[in-house]
Amino acid sequence: MKSDCSCRLLTSLYLIIVLLYNFLNGEYICEHPEVEKYNKVIYENTSYRDSLHYNYLQRIRLNQPHPVVDGGFTKTNLSDLEKVEQKFPFKYYDSLIKHFNIHSNGLISVFKDRYFGLIANYLSDTPPFEFEVLDTKDLFAIKMSFKITVNSKSFTSKTTYLIYPNGRISFYYENIPTKFDETKWKSKMAAIFQCEKRHIEHEILVPVEWIKSGTLVDFEAVGNICPKNETKKACEKAKPSDIACIWCERINICIDSNDKETHNMKVNDCRIPTLITKVVKVEKQKKSDLCLYILIPLGVSFIILCIGCIIGIWLYKKCKRPL
């Protein structure tokens, strides 16, 4: 079971790094418009889904607690959200964002010098009736409440947008009915690229079948800062601000990491042969210790017990023998 899990992780993470290496050039989507529809599912089971898209890794997990555990949300009027300037530098599709616009239907518009894209997580015909905001130097989050009616039963459903300084964007869903009109739910992020001959709109959708109470969707941004075609020495010497450069021996490239979870995942992928060797050594050591400290003493004790029983029986018979 453990070896199967290691193999799945090895295959999945290897694909992630190789494909990211090919896609990280900012002009790639203009030169290769076919990646506009690229959607590679890396791993999927009944509670977890990992997929690779242009510039982002999408990770979906079911039955998760709310990412904001200590509260801090404040009810806000929509008029105060028409133009939001976050308190930290934020990159969207590797471009620095100046501000967001929050719309009455729950849509978020993303702006550089001009409109660049959108973040959507709402019902097309059911505008939110309440907005709550958490705006700090480490997180910008908006929680929206909707009234959903299914079979004459009313639900107060909530969706939360979470935007982090490292470029990660997350969606979280609360009190979602088990059945709803799937065609009306809009859950995606998108950007418009100004190419030489035409505009390309790239979008990453959340599969509607994964929209449930307790679902957490992460869009992990993948940067292009570390030197890609350099040596291990150059990679290890590179120290961009707030970025860790990792030399991946498996495919001989330097990869970026600006998020703890992504960092550990990439490190484990690049070093998995070493990890497997260590696990094997540990297991062998455990087996050796088991033999030395448990099985051998038990075996010796059993032999001594048997010898004692034989001697006891012999003495008993000897004592009962008539003189």
Protein backbone atom coordinates (compact mmCIF):
# COMPACT_ATOMS: atom_id res chain seq x y z
CA MET A 1 0.00 0.00 0.00
CA LYS A 2 2.80 2.42 0.93
CA SER A 3 4.73 1.63 -2.24
CA ASP A 4 1.60 2.19 -4.37
CA CYS A 5 1.08 5.60 -2.74
CA SER A 6 4.73 6.55 -3.33
CA CYS A 7 4.46 5.55 -6.99
CA ARG A 8 1.32 7.64 -7.47
CA LEU A 9 2.97 10.67 -5.88
CA LEU A 10 6.12 10.16 -7.96
CA THR A 11 4.20 9.97 -11.25
CA SER A 12 1.88 12.87 -10.45
CA LEU A 13 4.54 15.27 -9.24
CA TYR A 14 6.92 14.38 -12.06
CA LEU A 15 4.20 15.30 -14.58
CA ILE A 16 3.54 18.55 -12.75
CA ILE A 17 7.17 19.69 -12.89
CA VAL A 18 7.75 18.66 -16.53
CA LEU A 19 4.56 20.31 -17.77
CA LEU A 20 5.17 23.47 -15.76
CA TYR A 21 8.64 23.71 -17.26
CA ASN A 22 7.09 23.78 -20.74
CA PHE A 23 4.31 26.24 -19.89
CA LEU A 24 5.94 28.86 -17.69
CA ASN A 25 6.97 31.28 -20.45
CA GLY A 26 4.61 34.27 -20.24
CA GLU A 27 4.23 34.48 -24.05
CA TYR A 28 3.69 30.78 -24.47
CA ILE A 29 -0.09 31.02 -24.65
CA CYS A 30 0.16 33.54 -27.52
CA GLU A 31 2.58 31.36 -29.46
CA HIS A 32 0.70 28.15 -28.62
CA PRO A 33 -3.02 28.95 -28.30
CA GLU A 34 -3.83 25.26 -27.90
CA VAL A 35 -2.91 25.52 -24.21
CA GLU A 36 -5.97 27.74 -23.78
CA LYS A 37 -8.02 24.56 -23.26
CA TYR A 38 -5.27 22.57 -21.54
CA ASN A 39 -6.55 20.60 -18.55
CA LYS A 40 -4.45 17.71 -17.30
CA VAL A 41 -5.85 15.70 -14.39
CA ILE A 42 -2.80 14.53 -12.46
CA TYR A 43 -4.51 12.51 -9.75
CA GLU A 44 -8.12 12.00 -8.68
CA ASN A 45 -10.00 9.89 -6.16
CA THR A 46 -13.34 10.27 -4.37
CA SER A 47 -12.14 13.12 -2.12
CA TYR A 48 -9.16 14.71 -3.87
CA ARG A 49 -8.41 16.07 -7.33
CA ASP A 50 -5.18 17.51 -8.70
CA SER A 51 -5.05 19.08 -12.17
CA LEU A 52 -2.55 21.16 -14.12
CA HIS A 53 -3.54 24.20 -16.20
CA TYR A 54 -1.69 27.04 -17.85
CA ASN A 55 0.13 28.92 -15.05
CA TYR A 56 -1.77 27.21 -12.23
CA LEU A 57 -2.11 23.95 -10.36
CA GLN A 58 -5.70 23.36 -9.20
CA ARG A 59 -6.14 21.29 -6.05
CA ILE A 60 -9.64 20.27 -4.86
CA ARG A 61 -10.30 18.64 -1.47
CA LEU A 62 -13.58 17.60 0.10
CA ASN A 63 -14.61 17.78 3.78
CA GLN A 64 -12.20 20.56 4.76
CA PRO A 65 -12.55 23.07 7.63
CA HIS A 66 -12.90 26.74 6.78
CA PRO A 67 -9.45 28.21 5.97
CA VAL A 68 -10.11 31.21 8.25
CA VAL A 69 -10.32 29.60 11.68
CA ASP A 70 -10.20 32.71 13.87
CA GLY A 71 -13.05 34.67 12.28
CA GLY A 72 -12.32 38.32 11.67
CA PHE A 73 -14.86 38.87 8.89
CA THR A 74 -16.77 42.16 8.93
CA LYS A 75 -20.13 42.80 7.24
CA THR A 76 -19.65 45.34 4.49
CA ASN A 77 -21.82 47.37 2.13
CA LEU A 78 -21.35 46.57 -1.54
CA SER A 79 -20.63 50.25 -2.27
CA ASP A 80 -17.42 49.91 -0.24
CA LEU A 81 -16.26 47.04 -2.45
CA GLU A 82 -16.59 48.67 -5.86
CA LYS A 83 -12.84 49.21 -5.95
CA VAL A 84 -10.57 47.27 -3.61
CA GLU A 85 -6.81 47.79 -3.41
CA GLN A 86 -5.32 44.88 -1.52
CA LYS A 87 -2.76 45.54 1.22
CA PHE A 88 -0.06 43.39 -0.39
CA PRO A 89 1.47 42.95 -3.86
CA PHE A 90 -0.46 40.29 -5.72
CA LYS A 91 0.21 38.57 -9.03
CA TYR A 92 -2.52 37.08 -11.19
CA TYR A 93 -1.31 34.90 -14.06
CA ASP A 94 2.16 36.19 -13.22
CA SER A 95 1.09 39.84 -13.73
CA LEU A 96 1.02 42.42 -10.95
CA ILE A 97 -2.54 43.45 -10.08
CA LYS A 98 -3.51 47.01 -9.08
CA HIS A 99 -7.05 46.51 -7.79
CA PHE A 100 -10.25 44.43 -7.80
CA ASN A 101 -13.85 45.39 -8.48
CA ILE A 102 -16.58 43.49 -6.61
CA HIS A 103 -19.92 43.30 -8.42
CA SER A 104 -23.41 42.86 -7.01
CA ASN A 105 -23.73 39.36 -8.49
CA GLY A 106 -20.59 38.18 -6.66
CA LEU A 107 -18.20 38.48 -9.58
CA ILE A 108 -14.69 39.90 -9.00
CA SER A 109 -13.01 41.83 -11.84
CA VAL A 110 -9.20 41.93 -11.84
CA PHE A 111 -7.31 44.97 -13.13
CA LYS A 112 -3.75 45.79 -14.11
CA ASP A 113 -3.67 49.17 -15.90
CA ARG A 114 -6.90 47.96 -17.49
CA TYR A 115 -9.26 45.02 -17.18
CA PHE A 116 -7.30 41.75 -17.13
CA GLY A 117 -9.61 38.98 -15.96
CA LEU A 118 -12.18 37.76 -13.48
CA ILE A 119 -12.69 35.47 -10.51
CA ALA A 120 -16.17 33.97 -10.30
CA ASN A 121 -17.83 31.84 -7.66
CA TYR A 122 -21.55 32.55 -7.67
CA LEU A 123 -25.04 31.59 -8.90
CA SER A 124 -25.94 33.34 -12.14
CA ASP A 125 -29.53 34.18 -11.15
CA THR A 126 -29.15 34.49 -7.37
CA PRO A 127 -27.17 37.55 -6.25
CA PRO A 128 -25.65 37.48 -2.76
CA PHE A 129 -27.60 39.32 -0.08
CA GLU A 130 -24.70 39.73 2.34
CA PHE A 131 -20.98 40.47 2.00
CA GLU A 132 -18.32 39.95 4.67
CA VAL A 133 -14.72 41.05 4.23
CA LEU A 134 -11.39 40.20 5.84
CA ASP A 135 -8.64 42.55 4.65
CA THR A 136 -5.17 42.16 6.19
CA LYS A 137 -1.56 42.28 5.03
CA ASP A 138 -1.56 38.47 4.80
CA LEU A 139 -5.00 37.70 3.35
CA PHE A 140 -7.84 39.30 1.44
CA ALA A 141 -11.09 37.34 1.72
CA ILE A 142 -14.73 37.91 0.83
CA LYS A 143 -17.56 35.74 2.12
CA MET A 144 -20.86 35.94 0.26
CA SER A 145 -24.24 34.57 1.37
CA PHE A 146 -26.91 33.34 -1.07
CA LYS A 147 -30.49 32.16 -0.69
CA ILE A 148 -31.00 28.93 -2.63
CA THR A 149 -34.36 27.20 -2.89
CA VAL A 150 -34.49 23.50 -3.77
CA ASN A 151 -37.80 21.60 -3.72
CA SER A 152 -39.46 24.39 -1.69
CA LYS A 153 -36.69 24.21 0.92
CA SER A 154 -34.54 27.30 1.48
CA PHE A 155 -30.79 27.19 2.10
CA THR A 156 -28.43 29.99 3.11
CA SER A 157 -25.33 28.96 1.20
CA LYS A 158 -21.98 30.72 1.50
CA THR A 159 -18.94 30.95 -0.72
CA THR A 160 -15.62 32.49 0.26
CA TYR A 161 -12.90 33.91 -1.99
CA LEU A 162 -9.43 33.91 -0.43
CA ILE A 163 -6.48 35.72 -2.01
CA TYR A 164 -2.95 35.31 -0.61
CA PRO A 165 0.27 37.31 -1.15
CA ASN A 166 2.02 34.32 -2.74
CA GLY A 167 -0.50 34.32 -5.61
CA ARG A 168 -2.69 31.50 -4.35
CA ILE A 169 -6.44 31.87 -4.79
CA SER A 170 -8.91 29.67 -2.91
CA PHE A 171 -12.65 29.00 -2.96
CA TYR A 172 -14.53 27.54 -0.01
CA TYR A 173 -18.16 26.35 0.01
CA GLU A 174 -20.58 26.15 2.96
CA ASN A 175 -24.10 24.75 3.34
CA ILE A 176 -24.45 23.77 -0.31
CA PRO A 177 -27.59 21.70 -1.06
CA THR A 178 -26.93 18.24 -2.43
CA LYS A 179 -29.02 19.07 -5.51
CA PHE A 180 -29.08 22.39 -7.36
CA ASP A 181 -29.20 23.68 -10.93
CA GLU A 182 -25.64 22.96 -12.00
CA THR A 183 -25.93 25.10 -15.14
CA LYS A 184 -26.32 28.25 -13.03
CA TRP A 185 -23.24 27.89 -10.84
CA LYS A 186 -20.25 29.86 -12.13
CA SER A 187 -17.02 28.90 -10.41
CA LYS A 188 -13.83 29.77 -12.26
CA MET A 189 -10.90 32.13 -12.74
CA ALA A 190 -9.99 33.66 -16.09
CA ALA A 191 -7.61 36.09 -17.78
CA ILE A 192 -7.46 37.82 -21.16
CA PHE A 193 -4.10 37.84 -22.98
CA GLN A 194 -3.44 40.53 -25.60
CA CYS A 195 -1.65 38.61 -28.33
CA GLU A 196 -0.38 40.08 -31.60
CA LYS A 197 -3.21 38.82 -33.81
CA ARG A 198 -6.04 38.19 -31.37
CA HIS A 199 -7.11 38.08 -27.73
CA ILE A 200 -7.03 34.78 -25.87
CA GLU A 201 -9.24 34.21 -22.85
CA HIS A 202 -7.93 31.47 -20.62
CA GLU A 203 -10.13 30.06 -17.87
CA ILE A 204 -9.88 27.38 -15.20
CA LEU A 205 -13.21 25.91 -14.14
CA VAL A 206 -14.15 24.16 -10.92
CA PRO A 207 -15.98 20.94 -11.95
CA VAL A 208 -19.52 21.45 -10.67
CA GLU A 209 -19.73 17.93 -9.26
CA TRP A 210 -17.05 18.92 -6.73
CA ILE A 211 -19.04 21.89 -5.41
CA LYS A 212 -20.23 20.61 -2.03
CA SER A 213 -20.31 21.79 1.57
CA GLY A 214 -16.76 21.73 2.91
CA THR A 215 -15.04 21.73 -0.49
CA LEU A 216 -11.79 23.72 -0.64
CA VAL A 217 -10.39 24.64 -4.06
CA ASP A 218 -6.84 26.00 -4.29
CA PHE A 219 -5.30 27.57 -7.38
CA GLU A 220 -1.57 27.38 -6.73
CA ALA A 221 0.32 30.03 -8.72
CA VAL A 222 3.55 28.83 -10.28
CA GLY A 223 6.17 31.51 -10.92
CA ASN A 224 9.03 31.85 -13.37
CA ILE A 225 11.77 33.45 -11.31
CA CYS A 226 14.42 30.80 -10.67
CA PRO A 227 17.00 30.14 -13.44
CA LYS A 228 15.48 27.29 -15.49
CA ASN A 229 18.33 26.16 -17.71
CA GLU A 230 21.22 26.60 -15.32
CA THR A 231 23.26 24.23 -13.20
CA LYS A 232 22.53 22.90 -9.74
CA LYS A 233 25.13 25.29 -8.35
CA ALA A 234 23.49 28.32 -10.00
CA CYS A 235 20.09 27.20 -8.78
CA GLU A 236 21.21 26.82 -5.18
CA LYS A 237 22.93 30.22 -5.25
CA ALA A 238 19.84 31.99 -6.59
CA LYS A 239 18.00 33.66 -3.72
CA PRO A 240 15.11 35.75 -5.04
CA SER A 241 13.03 37.57 -2.43
CA ASP A 242 10.45 35.30 -0.76
CA ILE A 243 11.17 32.51 -3.27
CA ALA A 244 12.96 29.21 -2.74
CA CYS A 245 14.82 27.78 -5.73
CA ILE A 246 14.97 23.99 -5.75
CA TRP A 247 17.24 21.95 -8.00
CA CYS A 248 15.23 18.97 -9.20
CA GLU A 249 17.75 16.23 -9.93
CA ARG A 250 15.12 14.03 -11.54
CA ILE A 251 14.72 16.34 -14.55
CA ASN A 252 17.72 18.66 -14.07
CA ILE A 253 15.90 21.97 -13.84
CA CYS A 254 15.58 24.71 -11.25
CA ILE A 255 12.02 25.15 -9.99
CA ASP A 256 10.28 27.86 -7.97
CA SER A 257 8.54 27.47 -4.64
CA ASN A 258 6.76 30.24 -2.74
CA ASP A 259 4.21 28.20 -0.80
CA LYS A 260 4.90 25.76 2.04
CA GLU A 261 2.62 23.01 0.76
CA THR A 262 3.86 23.29 -2.82
CA HIS A 263 7.45 23.47 -1.59
CA ASN A 264 7.21 20.21 0.34
CA MET A 265 5.48 18.53 -2.59
CA LYS A 266 8.21 19.53 -5.03
CA VAL A 267 11.04 18.63 -2.68
CA ASN A 268 9.53 15.22 -2.06
CA ASP A 269 9.19 14.64 -5.78
CA CYS A 270 12.78 15.51 -6.55
CA ARG A 271 14.15 13.43 -3.68
CA ILE A 272 11.73 10.52 -3.70
CA PRO A 273 14.38 7.84 -4.51
CA THR A 274 16.29 8.94 -1.40
CA LEU A 275 13.11 8.91 0.65
CA ILE A 276 12.24 5.41 -0.55
CA THR A 277 15.76 4.23 0.34
CA LYS A 278 15.41 5.72 3.81
CA VAL A 279 12.03 4.08 4.29
CA VAL A 280 13.45 0.72 3.24
CA LYS A 281 16.37 1.16 5.65
CA VAL A 282 14.03 2.12 8.47
CA GLU A 283 11.80 -0.86 7.76
CA LYS A 284 14.83 -3.15 7.70
CA GLN A 285 16.05 -1.65 10.96
CA LYS A 286 12.61 -2.14 12.50
CA LYS A 287 12.60 -5.76 11.40
CA SER A 288 16.11 -6.22 12.77
CA ASP A 289 15.11 -4.67 16.11
CA LEU A 290 12.00 -6.84 16.18
CA CYS A 291 14.09 -9.97 15.79
CA LEU A 292 16.74 -8.84 18.26
CA TYR A 293 14.56 -7.55 21.08
CA ILE A 294 11.31 -9.49 20.76
CA LEU A 295 11.35 -12.61 18.61
CA ILE A 296 14.70 -14.01 19.78
CA PRO A 297 13.96 -13.52 23.52
CA LEU A 298 10.51 -15.06 23.02
CA GLY A 299 12.05 -18.02 21.22
CA VAL A 300 14.66 -18.54 23.93
CA SER A 301 11.99 -18.23 26.64
CA PHE A 302 9.82 -20.80 24.87
CA ILE A 303 12.72 -23.25 24.60
CA ILE A 304 13.58 -22.78 28.29
CA LEU A 305 9.93 -23.30 29.19
CA CYS A 306 9.81 -26.50 27.15
CA ILE A 307 13.00 -27.79 28.76
CA GLY A 308 11.61 -26.92 32.19
CA CYS A 309 8.39 -28.80 31.42
CA ILE A 310 10.30 -31.86 30.24
CA ILE A 311 12.49 -31.85 33.37
CA GLY A 312 9.42 -31.32 35.57
CA ILE A 313 7.58 -34.25 33.98
CA TRP A 314 10.67 -36.46 34.29
CA LEU A 315 11.07 -35.59 37.99
CA TYR A 316 7.37 -36.13 38.64
CA LYS A 317 7.46 -39.59 37.08
CA LYS A 318 10.64 -40.44 38.96
CA CYS A 319 9.08 -39.46 42.30
CA LYS A 320 5.99 -41.63 41.67
CA ARG A 321 8.06 -44.69 40.72
CA PRO A 322 8.00 -47.34 43.54
CA LEU A 323 11.28 -47.86 45.34
